[in-house]
Amino acid sequence: MYNIDSIKQYLKSNLSQFRYEHSLLVADEAKKLALHYGLDSEKAYIAGLVHDIAKEFSDEENSKWIKKYNLSGDLFKSSEFKNVIHANIGSVVIKELYDFDDV
């Protein structure tokens, strides 16, 4: 199970200050949009909070997650690899760390 404060602490410890603050702002905006459209604002907030959880992973850390979860496909061979891989890796990271299933 997750705790928003523990997620924030993890992000603060593992992201640059810029990326951490960006994640907080995205979470706030996601919550506002969810409230406006009548959606689950807590889920939206958490999704915004963790959306870049793997954005600053090193190549070595990316490789670890790719191998661990057997992530593959054309995306990983793309020249845009570094710009988009964090979303795929981030989804498995939040599942493993926080047991997310539908955020």
PDB file of N, CA and C in Angstrom:
ATOM      1  N   MET A   1       0.847  -1.182   0.000  1.00  0.00           N
ATOM      2  CA  MET A   1       0.000   0.000   0.000  1.00  0.00           C
ATOM      3  C   MET A   1       0.888   1.240   0.000  1.00  0.00           C
ATOM      4  N   TYR A   2       0.342   2.338  -0.435  1.00  0.00           N
ATOM      5  CA  TYR A   2       1.131   3.551  -0.548  1.00  0.00           C
ATOM      6  C   TYR A   2       0.702   4.598   0.476  1.00  0.00           C
ATOM      7  N   ASN A   3       1.588   5.514   0.695  1.00  0.00           N
ATOM      8  CA  ASN A   3       1.371   6.657   1.552  1.00  0.00           C
ATOM      9  C   ASN A   3       1.940   7.846   0.797  1.00  0.00           C
ATOM     10  N   ILE A   4       1.147   8.881   0.610  1.00  0.00           N
ATOM     11  CA  ILE A   4       1.588  10.014  -0.203  1.00  0.00           C
ATOM     12  C   ILE A   4       2.869  10.638   0.351  1.00  0.00           C
ATOM     13  N   ASP A   5       2.973  10.740   1.668  1.00  0.00           N
ATOM     14  CA  ASP A   5       4.190  11.319   2.248  1.00  0.00           C
ATOM     15  C   ASP A   5       5.422  10.466   1.950  1.00  0.00           C
ATOM     16  N   SER A   6       5.264   9.143   1.978  1.00  0.00           N
ATOM     17  CA  SER A   6       6.419   8.287   1.675  1.00  0.00           C
ATOM     18  C   SER A   6       6.790   8.375   0.197  1.00  0.00           C
ATOM     19  N   ILE A   7       5.799   8.530  -0.660  1.00  0.00           N
ATOM     20  CA  ILE A   7       6.092   8.711  -2.090  1.00  0.00           C
ATOM     21  C   ILE A   7       6.857  10.017  -2.293  1.00  0.00           C
ATOM     22  N   LYS A   8       6.400  11.072  -1.659  1.00  0.00           N
ATOM     23  CA  LYS A   8       7.087  12.369  -1.780  1.00  0.00           C
ATOM     24  C   LYS A   8       8.517  12.262  -1.268  1.00  0.00           C
ATOM     25  N   GLN A   9       8.714  11.562  -0.164  1.00  0.00           N
ATOM     26  CA  GLN A   9      10.061  11.401   0.379  1.00  0.00           C
ATOM     27  C   GLN A   9      10.957  10.630  -0.597  1.00  0.00           C
ATOM     28  N   TYR A  10      10.405   9.562  -1.194  1.00  0.00           N
ATOM     29  CA  TYR A  10      11.170   8.804  -2.183  1.00  0.00           C
ATOM     30  C   TYR A  10      11.557   9.709  -3.359  1.00  0.00           C
ATOM     31  N   LEU A  11      10.588  10.456  -3.869  1.00  0.00           N
ATOM     32  CA  LEU A  11      10.860  11.339  -5.001  1.00  0.00           C
ATOM     33  C   LEU A  11      11.895  12.398  -4.649  1.00  0.00           C
ATOM     34  N   LYS A  12      11.759  12.994  -3.476  1.00  0.00           N
ATOM     35  CA  LYS A  12      12.694  14.034  -3.061  1.00  0.00           C
ATOM     36  C   LYS A  12      14.111  13.476  -2.947  1.00  0.00           C
ATOM     37  N   SER A  13      14.227  12.225  -2.532  1.00  0.00           N
ATOM     38  CA  SER A  13      15.538  11.596  -2.382  1.00  0.00           C
ATOM     39  C   SER A  13      16.119  11.098  -3.699  1.00  0.00           C
ATOM     40  N   ASN A  14      15.272  10.876  -4.701  1.00  0.00           N
ATOM     41  CA  ASN A  14      15.739  10.235  -5.931  1.00  0.00           C
ATOM     42  C   ASN A  14      15.636  11.090  -7.182  1.00  0.00           C
ATOM     43  N   LEU A  15      15.098  12.280  -7.053  1.00  0.00           N
ATOM     44  CA  LEU A  15      14.995  13.185  -8.198  1.00  0.00           C
ATOM     45  C   LEU A  15      15.753  14.476  -7.905  1.00  0.00           C
ATOM     46  N   SER A  16      16.106  15.179  -8.959  1.00  0.00           N
ATOM     47  CA  SER A  16      16.684  16.510  -8.766  1.00  0.00           C
ATOM     48  C   SER A  16      15.616  17.422  -8.166  1.00  0.00           C
ATOM     49  N   GLN A  17      16.052  18.516  -7.584  1.00  0.00           N
ATOM     50  CA  GLN A  17      15.097  19.473  -7.012  1.00  0.00           C
ATOM     51  C   GLN A  17      14.114  19.955  -8.076  1.00  0.00           C
ATOM     52  N   PHE A  18      14.628  20.241  -9.272  1.00  0.00           N
ATOM     53  CA  PHE A  18      13.761  20.687 -10.359  1.00  0.00           C
ATOM     54  C   PHE A  18      12.691  19.644 -10.682  1.00  0.00           C
ATOM     55  N   ARG A  19      13.093  18.389 -10.839  1.00  0.00           N
ATOM     56  CA  ARG A  19      12.159  17.326 -11.212  1.00  0.00           C
ATOM     57  C   ARG A  19      11.158  17.056 -10.087  1.00  0.00           C
ATOM     58  N   TYR A  20      11.611  17.141  -8.851  1.00  0.00           N
ATOM     59  CA  TYR A  20      10.718  16.952  -7.705  1.00  0.00           C
ATOM     60  C   TYR A  20       9.640  18.043  -7.676  1.00  0.00           C
ATOM     61  N   GLU A  21      10.068  19.287  -7.803  1.00  0.00           N
ATOM     62  CA  GLU A  21       9.098  20.391  -7.801  1.00  0.00           C
ATOM     63  C   GLU A  21       8.148  20.287  -8.996  1.00  0.00           C
ATOM     64  N   HIS A  22       8.668  19.898 -10.134  1.00  0.00           N
ATOM     65  CA  HIS A  22       7.834  19.682 -11.317  1.00  0.00           C
ATOM     66  C   HIS A  22       6.762  18.628 -11.024  1.00  0.00           C
ATOM     67  N   SER A  23       7.143  17.536 -10.386  1.00  0.00           N
ATOM     68  CA  SER A  23       6.200  16.463 -10.065  1.00  0.00           C
ATOM     69  C   SER A  23       5.104  16.947  -9.115  1.00  0.00           C
ATOM     70  N   LEU A  24       5.468  17.773  -8.143  1.00  0.00           N
ATOM     71  CA  LEU A  24       4.463  18.331  -7.231  1.00  0.00           C
ATOM     72  C   LEU A  24       3.469  19.213  -7.984  1.00  0.00           C
ATOM     73  N   LEU A  25       3.977  20.027  -8.903  1.00  0.00           N
ATOM     74  CA  LEU A  25       3.098  20.901  -9.690  1.00  0.00           C
ATOM     75  C   LEU A  25       2.178  20.096 -10.606  1.00  0.00           C
ATOM     76  N   VAL A  26       2.716  19.068 -11.234  1.00  0.00           N
ATOM     77  CA  VAL A  26       1.896  18.214 -12.099  1.00  0.00           C
ATOM     78  C   VAL A  26       0.813  17.523 -11.276  1.00  0.00           C
ATOM     79  N   ALA A  27       1.177  17.058 -10.085  1.00  0.00           N
ATOM     80  CA  ALA A  27       0.194  16.404  -9.209  1.00  0.00           C
ATOM     81  C   ALA A  27      -0.936  17.356  -8.851  1.00  0.00           C
ATOM     82  N   ASP A  28      -0.597  18.593  -8.518  1.00  0.00           N
ATOM     83  CA  ASP A  28      -1.628  19.585  -8.184  1.00  0.00           C
ATOM     84  C   ASP A  28      -2.555  19.853  -9.369  1.00  0.00           C
ATOM     85  N   GLU A  29      -1.978  19.995 -10.543  1.00  0.00           N
ATOM     86  CA  GLU A  29      -2.789  20.251 -11.740  1.00  0.00           C
ATOM     87  C   GLU A  29      -3.657  19.052 -12.100  1.00  0.00           C
ATOM     88  N   ALA A  30      -3.107  17.856 -11.953  1.00  0.00           N
ATOM     89  CA  ALA A  30      -3.879  16.638 -12.241  1.00  0.00           C
ATOM     90  C   ALA A  30      -5.082  16.547 -11.302  1.00  0.00           C
ATOM     91  N   LYS A  31      -4.873  16.891 -10.050  1.00  0.00           N
ATOM     92  CA  LYS A  31      -5.971  16.870  -9.079  1.00  0.00           C
ATOM     93  C   LYS A  31      -7.058  17.878  -9.462  1.00  0.00           C
ATOM     94  N   LYS A  32      -6.651  19.082  -9.853  1.00  0.00           N
ATOM     95  CA  LYS A  32      -7.618  20.114 -10.273  1.00  0.00           C
ATOM     96  C   LYS A  32      -8.429  19.639 -11.477  1.00  0.00           C
ATOM     97  N   LEU A  33      -7.748  19.051 -12.447  1.00  0.00           N
ATOM     98  CA  LEU A  33      -8.448  18.550 -13.637  1.00  0.00           C
ATOM     99  C   LEU A  33      -9.421  17.436 -13.277  1.00  0.00           C
ATOM    100  N   ALA A  34      -9.000  16.545 -12.406  1.00  0.00           N
ATOM    101  CA  ALA A  34      -9.882  15.447 -11.991  1.00  0.00           C
ATOM    102  C   ALA A  34     -11.125  15.990 -11.294  1.00  0.00           C
ATOM    103  N   LEU A  35     -10.947  16.951 -10.419  1.00  0.00           N
ATOM    104  CA  LEU A  35     -12.098  17.549  -9.734  1.00  0.00           C
ATOM    105  C   LEU A  35     -13.030  18.225 -10.736  1.00  0.00           C
ATOM    106  N   HIS A  36     -12.454  18.921 -11.689  1.00  0.00           N
ATOM    107  CA  HIS A  36     -13.250  19.599 -12.709  1.00  0.00           C
ATOM    108  C   HIS A  36     -14.081  18.612 -13.532  1.00  0.00           C
ATOM    109  N   TYR A  37     -13.495  17.484 -13.854  1.00  0.00           N
ATOM    110  CA  TYR A  37     -14.170  16.493 -14.705  1.00  0.00           C
ATOM    111  C   TYR A  37     -14.863  15.384 -13.915  1.00  0.00           C
ATOM    112  N   GLY A  38     -14.913  15.510 -12.611  1.00  0.00           N
ATOM    113  CA  GLY A  38     -15.621  14.535 -11.788  1.00  0.00           C
ATOM    114  C   GLY A  38     -14.938  13.185 -11.702  1.00  0.00           C
ATOM    115  N   LEU A  39     -13.623  13.182 -11.733  1.00  0.00           N
ATOM    116  CA  LEU A  39     -12.855  11.939 -11.647  1.00  0.00           C
ATOM    117  C   LEU A  39     -12.221  11.819 -10.262  1.00  0.00           C
ATOM    118  N   ASP A  40     -11.582  10.704 -10.008  1.00  0.00           N
ATOM    119  CA  ASP A  40     -10.959  10.450  -8.716  1.00  0.00           C
ATOM    120  C   ASP A  40      -9.738  11.361  -8.550  1.00  0.00           C
ATOM    121  N   SER A  41      -9.869  12.377  -7.708  1.00  0.00           N
ATOM    122  CA  SER A  41      -8.802  13.370  -7.572  1.00  0.00           C
ATOM    123  C   SER A  41      -7.572  12.816  -6.852  1.00  0.00           C
ATOM    124  N   GLU A  42      -7.755  11.862  -5.957  1.00  0.00           N
ATOM    125  CA  GLU A  42      -6.590  11.278  -5.273  1.00  0.00           C
ATOM    126  C   GLU A  42      -5.755  10.456  -6.255  1.00  0.00           C
ATOM    127  N   LYS A  43      -6.417   9.668  -7.079  1.00  0.00           N
ATOM    128  CA  LYS A  43      -5.677   8.889  -8.082  1.00  0.00           C
ATOM    129  C   LYS A  43      -4.965   9.807  -9.059  1.00  0.00           C
ATOM    130  N   ALA A  44      -5.641  10.866  -9.458  1.00  0.00           N
ATOM    131  CA  ALA A  44      -5.029  11.815 -10.385  1.00  0.00           C
ATOM    132  C   ALA A  44      -3.812  12.474  -9.756  1.00  0.00           C
ATOM    133  N   TYR A  45      -3.933  12.848  -8.499  1.00  0.00           N
ATOM    134  CA  TYR A  45      -2.818  13.474  -7.789  1.00  0.00           C
ATOM    135  C   TYR A  45      -1.617  12.526  -7.748  1.00  0.00           C
ATOM    136  N   ILE A  46      -1.866  11.292  -7.371  1.00  0.00           N
ATOM    137  CA  ILE A  46      -0.778  10.311  -7.273  1.00  0.00           C
ATOM    138  C   ILE A  46      -0.158  10.054  -8.645  1.00  0.00           C
ATOM    139  N   ALA A  47      -0.987   9.928  -9.663  1.00  0.00           N
ATOM    140  CA  ALA A  47      -0.462   9.706 -11.021  1.00  0.00           C
ATOM    141  C   ALA A  47       0.437  10.870 -11.436  1.00  0.00           C
ATOM    142  N   GLY A  48      -0.006  12.090 -11.144  1.00  0.00           N
ATOM    143  CA  GLY A  48       0.820  13.253 -11.454  1.00  0.00           C
ATOM    144  C   GLY A  48       2.110  13.256 -10.658  1.00  0.00           C
ATOM    145  N   LEU A  49       2.011  12.858  -9.422  1.00  0.00           N
ATOM    146  CA  LEU A  49       3.177  12.838  -8.538  1.00  0.00           C
ATOM    147  C   LEU A  49       4.249  11.879  -9.043  1.00  0.00           C
ATOM    148  N   VAL A  50       3.849  10.701  -9.479  1.00  0.00           N
ATOM    149  CA  VAL A  50       4.832   9.667  -9.848  1.00  0.00           C
ATOM    150  C   VAL A  50       5.131   9.605 -11.353  1.00  0.00           C
ATOM    151  N   HIS A  51       4.548  10.498 -12.127  1.00  0.00           N
ATOM    152  CA  HIS A  51       4.676  10.371 -13.591  1.00  0.00           C
ATOM    153  C   HIS A  51       6.122  10.402 -14.083  1.00  0.00           C
ATOM    154  N   ASP A  52       7.017  11.016 -13.338  1.00  0.00           N
ATOM    155  CA  ASP A  52       8.431  11.087 -13.740  1.00  0.00           C
ATOM    156  C   ASP A  52       9.346  10.334 -12.770  1.00  0.00           C
ATOM    157  N   ILE A  53       8.810   9.356 -12.079  1.00  0.00           N
ATOM    158  CA  ILE A  53       9.581   8.653 -11.053  1.00  0.00           C
ATOM    159  C   ILE A  53      10.878   8.047 -11.617  1.00  0.00           C
ATOM    160  N   ALA A  54      10.875   7.674 -12.879  1.00  0.00           N
ATOM    161  CA  ALA A  54      12.063   7.064 -13.493  1.00  0.00           C
ATOM    162  C   ALA A  54      12.750   7.996 -14.495  1.00  0.00           C
ATOM    163  N   LYS A  55      12.359   9.239 -14.549  1.00  0.00           N
ATOM    164  CA  LYS A  55      12.857  10.175 -15.562  1.00  0.00           C
ATOM    165  C   LYS A  55      14.371  10.384 -15.490  1.00  0.00           C
ATOM    166  N   GLU A  56      14.914  10.343 -14.299  1.00  0.00           N
ATOM    167  CA  GLU A  56      16.340  10.631 -14.153  1.00  0.00           C
ATOM    168  C   GLU A  56      17.182   9.387 -13.848  1.00  0.00           C
ATOM    169  N   PHE A  57      16.635   8.222 -14.139  1.00  0.00           N
ATOM    170  CA  PHE A  57      17.405   6.989 -13.940  1.00  0.00           C
ATOM    171  C   PHE A  57      18.609   6.983 -14.869  1.00  0.00           C
ATOM    172  N   SER A  58      19.681   6.397 -14.389  1.00  0.00           N
ATOM    173  CA  SER A  58      20.878   6.227 -15.214  1.00  0.00           C
ATOM    174  C   SER A  58      20.625   5.123 -16.238  1.00  0.00           C
ATOM    175  N   ASP A  59      21.494   5.032 -17.230  1.00  0.00           N
ATOM    176  CA  ASP A  59      21.389   3.951 -18.212  1.00  0.00           C
ATOM    177  C   ASP A  59      21.480   2.594 -17.513  1.00  0.00           C
ATOM    178  N   GLU A  60      22.335   2.509 -16.507  1.00  0.00           N
ATOM    179  CA  GLU A  60      22.493   1.255 -15.768  1.00  0.00           C
ATOM    180  C   GLU A  60      21.195   0.886 -15.034  1.00  0.00           C
ATOM    181  N   GLU A  61      20.586   1.855 -14.403  1.00  0.00           N
ATOM    182  CA  GLU A  61      19.339   1.581 -13.685  1.00  0.00           C
ATOM    183  C   GLU A  61      18.212   1.231 -14.660  1.00  0.00           C
ATOM    184  N   ASN A  62      18.153   1.946 -15.791  1.00  0.00           N
ATOM    185  CA  ASN A  62      17.169   1.599 -16.822  1.00  0.00           C
ATOM    186  C   ASN A  62      17.346   0.151 -17.263  1.00  0.00           C
ATOM    187  N   SER A  63      18.591  -0.233 -17.517  1.00  0.00           N
ATOM    188  CA  SER A  63      18.865  -1.601 -17.962  1.00  0.00           C
ATOM    189  C   SER A  63      18.423  -2.627 -16.929  1.00  0.00           C
ATOM    190  N   LYS A  64      18.644  -2.305 -15.653  1.00  0.00           N
ATOM    191  CA  LYS A  64      18.227  -3.210 -14.577  1.00  0.00           C
ATOM    192  C   LYS A  64      16.721  -3.467 -14.634  1.00  0.00           C
ATOM    193  N   TRP A  65      15.941  -2.418 -14.767  1.00  0.00           N
ATOM    194  CA  TRP A  65      14.482  -2.559 -14.796  1.00  0.00           C
ATOM    195  C   TRP A  65      14.008  -3.241 -16.074  1.00  0.00           C
ATOM    196  N   ILE A  66      14.646  -2.916 -17.196  1.00  0.00           N
ATOM    197  CA  ILE A  66      14.277  -3.532 -18.471  1.00  0.00           C
ATOM    198  C   ILE A  66      14.489  -5.037 -18.403  1.00  0.00           C
ATOM    199  N   LYS A  67      15.636  -5.450 -17.847  1.00  0.00           N
ATOM    200  CA  LYS A  67      15.920  -6.883 -17.723  1.00  0.00           C
ATOM    201  C   LYS A  67      15.003  -7.552 -16.703  1.00  0.00           C
ATOM    202  N   LYS A  68      14.807  -6.902 -15.574  1.00  0.00           N
ATOM    203  CA  LYS A  68      14.001  -7.481 -14.500  1.00  0.00           C
ATOM    204  C   LYS A  68      12.570  -7.777 -14.948  1.00  0.00           C
ATOM    205  N   TYR A  69      11.994  -6.880 -15.753  1.00  0.00           N
ATOM    206  CA  TYR A  69      10.609  -7.043 -16.186  1.00  0.00           C
ATOM    207  C   TYR A  69      10.482  -7.434 -17.652  1.00  0.00           C
ATOM    208  N   ASN A  70      11.610  -7.799 -18.256  1.00  0.00           N
ATOM    209  CA  ASN A  70      11.617  -8.256 -19.637  1.00  0.00           C
ATOM    210  C   ASN A  70      10.903  -7.267 -20.563  1.00  0.00           C
ATOM    211  N   LEU A  71      11.182  -5.990 -20.351  1.00  0.00           N
ATOM    212  CA  LEU A  71      10.605  -4.955 -21.208  1.00  0.00           C
ATOM    213  C   LEU A  71      11.340  -4.985 -22.537  1.00  0.00           C
ATOM    214  N   SER A  72      10.604  -4.950 -23.606  1.00  0.00           N
ATOM    215  CA  SER A  72      11.238  -4.993 -24.919  1.00  0.00           C
ATOM    216  C   SER A  72      10.336  -4.331 -25.944  1.00  0.00           C
ATOM    217  N   GLY A  73      10.757  -4.373 -27.176  1.00  0.00           N
ATOM    218  CA  GLY A  73       9.971  -3.820 -28.262  1.00  0.00           C
ATOM    219  C   GLY A  73      10.725  -2.748 -29.014  1.00  0.00           C
ATOM    220  N   ASP A  74      10.105  -2.250 -30.059  1.00  0.00           N
ATOM    221  CA  ASP A  74      10.738  -1.246 -30.909  1.00  0.00           C
ATOM    222  C   ASP A  74      11.057   0.046 -30.160  1.00  0.00           C
ATOM    223  N   LEU A  75      10.235   0.365 -29.173  1.00  0.00           N
ATOM    224  CA  LEU A  75      10.449   1.579 -28.398  1.00  0.00           C
ATOM    225  C   LEU A  75      11.859   1.622 -27.831  1.00  0.00           C
ATOM    226  N   PHE A  76      12.357   0.489 -27.375  1.00  0.00           N
ATOM    227  CA  PHE A  76      13.646   0.447 -26.715  1.00  0.00           C
ATOM    228  C   PHE A  76      14.806   0.514 -27.696  1.00  0.00           C
ATOM    229  N   LYS A  77      14.523   0.432 -28.972  1.00  0.00           N
ATOM    230  CA  LYS A  77      15.561   0.528 -29.995  1.00  0.00           C
ATOM    231  C   LYS A  77      15.551   1.914 -30.644  1.00  0.00           C
ATOM    232  N   SER A  78      14.616   2.737 -30.260  1.00  0.00           N
ATOM    233  CA  SER A  78      14.412   4.050 -30.858  1.00  0.00           C
ATOM    234  C   SER A  78      15.500   5.036 -30.444  1.00  0.00           C
ATOM    235  N   SER A  79      15.752   6.011 -31.302  1.00  0.00           N
ATOM    236  CA  SER A  79      16.688   7.074 -30.945  1.00  0.00           C
ATOM    237  C   SER A  79      16.103   7.969 -29.859  1.00  0.00           C
ATOM    238  N   GLU A  80      14.819   7.892 -29.662  1.00  0.00           N
ATOM    239  CA  GLU A  80      14.137   8.668 -28.618  1.00  0.00           C
ATOM    240  C   GLU A  80      14.058   7.889 -27.307  1.00  0.00           C
ATOM    241  N   PHE A  81      14.791   6.822 -27.202  1.00  0.00           N
ATOM    242  CA  PHE A  81      14.753   5.928 -26.048  1.00  0.00           C
ATOM    243  C   PHE A  81      14.756   6.675 -24.721  1.00  0.00           C
ATOM    244  N   LYS A  82      15.724   7.540 -24.512  1.00  0.00           N
ATOM    245  CA  LYS A  82      15.876   8.228 -23.232  1.00  0.00           C
ATOM    246  C   LYS A  82      14.693   9.146 -22.935  1.00  0.00           C
ATOM    247  N   ASN A  83      14.037   9.643 -23.956  1.00  0.00           N
ATOM    248  CA  ASN A  83      12.931  10.568 -23.738  1.00  0.00           C
ATOM    249  C   ASN A  83      11.626   9.882 -23.369  1.00  0.00           C
ATOM    250  N   VAL A  84      11.480   8.620 -23.736  1.00  0.00           N
ATOM    251  CA  VAL A  84      10.194   7.955 -23.503  1.00  0.00           C
ATOM    252  C   VAL A  84      10.257   6.730 -22.603  1.00  0.00           C
ATOM    253  N   ILE A  85      11.428   6.161 -22.423  1.00  0.00           N
ATOM    254  CA  ILE A  85      11.538   4.923 -21.661  1.00  0.00           C
ATOM    255  C   ILE A  85      11.129   5.097 -20.204  1.00  0.00           C
ATOM    256  N   HIS A  86      11.270   6.291 -19.675  1.00  0.00           N
ATOM    257  CA  HIS A  86      10.952   6.495 -18.259  1.00  0.00           C
ATOM    258  C   HIS A  86       9.483   6.201 -17.949  1.00  0.00           C
ATOM    259  N   ALA A  87       8.605   6.365 -18.907  1.00  0.00           N
ATOM    260  CA  ALA A  87       7.184   6.069 -18.660  1.00  0.00           C
ATOM    261  C   ALA A  87       6.969   4.568 -18.482  1.00  0.00           C
ATOM    262  N   ASN A  88       7.580   3.774 -19.340  1.00  0.00           N
ATOM    263  CA  ASN A  88       7.438   2.324 -19.242  1.00  0.00           C
ATOM    264  C   ASN A  88       8.099   1.776 -17.974  1.00  0.00           C
ATOM    265  N   ILE A  89       9.295   2.250 -17.707  1.00  0.00           N
ATOM    266  CA  ILE A  89       9.993   1.797 -16.511  1.00  0.00           C
ATOM    267  C   ILE A  89       9.278   2.316 -15.263  1.00  0.00           C
ATOM    268  N   GLY A  90       8.847   3.554 -15.300  1.00  0.00           N
ATOM    269  CA  GLY A  90       8.133   4.127 -14.158  1.00  0.00           C
ATOM    270  C   GLY A  90       6.903   3.332 -13.770  1.00  0.00           C
ATOM    271  N   SER A  91       6.207   2.803 -14.760  1.00  0.00           N
ATOM    272  CA  SER A  91       4.998   2.034 -14.448  1.00  0.00           C
ATOM    273  C   SER A  91       5.315   0.765 -13.664  1.00  0.00           C
ATOM    274  N   VAL A  92       6.433   0.116 -13.960  1.00  0.00           N
ATOM    275  CA  VAL A  92       6.785  -1.079 -13.199  1.00  0.00           C
ATOM    276  C   VAL A  92       7.400  -0.717 -11.847  1.00  0.00           C
ATOM    277  N   VAL A  93       8.077   0.411 -11.795  1.00  0.00           N
ATOM    278  CA  VAL A  93       8.652   0.862 -10.525  1.00  0.00           C
ATOM    279  C   VAL A  93       7.546   1.138  -9.510  1.00  0.00           C
ATOM    280  N   ILE A  94       6.524   1.873  -9.920  1.00  0.00           N
ATOM    281  CA  ILE A  94       5.464   2.194  -8.953  1.00  0.00           C
ATOM    282  C   ILE A  94       4.644   0.964  -8.578  1.00  0.00           C
ATOM    283  N   LYS A  95       4.540   0.015  -9.488  1.00  0.00           N
ATOM    284  CA  LYS A  95       3.861  -1.242  -9.132  1.00  0.00           C
ATOM    285  C   LYS A  95       4.665  -1.993  -8.078  1.00  0.00           C
ATOM    286  N   GLU A  96       5.973  -2.032  -8.252  1.00  0.00           N
ATOM    287  CA  GLU A  96       6.811  -2.773  -7.314  1.00  0.00           C
ATOM    288  C   GLU A  96       6.937  -2.054  -5.968  1.00  0.00           C
ATOM    289  N   LEU A  97       7.200  -0.769  -6.006  1.00  0.00           N
ATOM    290  CA  LEU A  97       7.432  -0.033  -4.760  1.00  0.00           C
ATOM    291  C   LEU A  97       6.161   0.203  -3.957  1.00  0.00           C
ATOM    292  N   TYR A  98       5.042   0.435  -4.663  1.00  0.00           N
ATOM    293  CA  TYR A  98       3.827   0.859  -3.968  1.00  0.00           C
ATOM    294  C   TYR A  98       2.612  -0.026  -4.246  1.00  0.00           C
ATOM    295  N   ASP A  99       2.821  -1.112  -4.935  1.00  0.00           N
ATOM    296  CA  ASP A  99       1.741  -2.067  -5.208  1.00  0.00           C
ATOM    297  C   ASP A  99       0.562  -1.418  -5.933  1.00  0.00           C
ATOM    298  N   PHE A 100       0.877  -0.448  -6.806  1.00  0.00           N
ATOM    299  CA  PHE A 100      -0.189   0.192  -7.590  1.00  0.00           C
ATOM    300  C   PHE A 100      -0.707  -0.786  -8.610  1.00  0.00           C
ATOM    301  N   ASP A 101      -1.996  -0.739  -8.849  1.00  0.00           N
ATOM    302  CA  ASP A 101      -2.566  -1.604  -9.874  1.00  0.00           C
ATOM    303  C   ASP A 101      -3.405  -0.851 -10.885  1.00  0.00           C
ATOM    304  N   ASP A 102      -3.827   0.364 -10.555  1.00  0.00           N
ATOM    305  CA  ASP A 102      -4.705   1.050 -11.509  1.00  0.00           C
ATOM    306  C   ASP A 102      -4.506   2.555 -11.568  1.00  0.00           C
ATOM    307  N   VAL A 103      -3.390   3.046 -11.089  1.00  0.00           N
ATOM    308  CA  VAL A 103      -3.135   4.499 -11.148  1.00  0.00           C
ATOM    309  C   VAL A 103      -2.532   4.815 -12.480  1.00  0.00           C
TER     310      VAL A 103
END
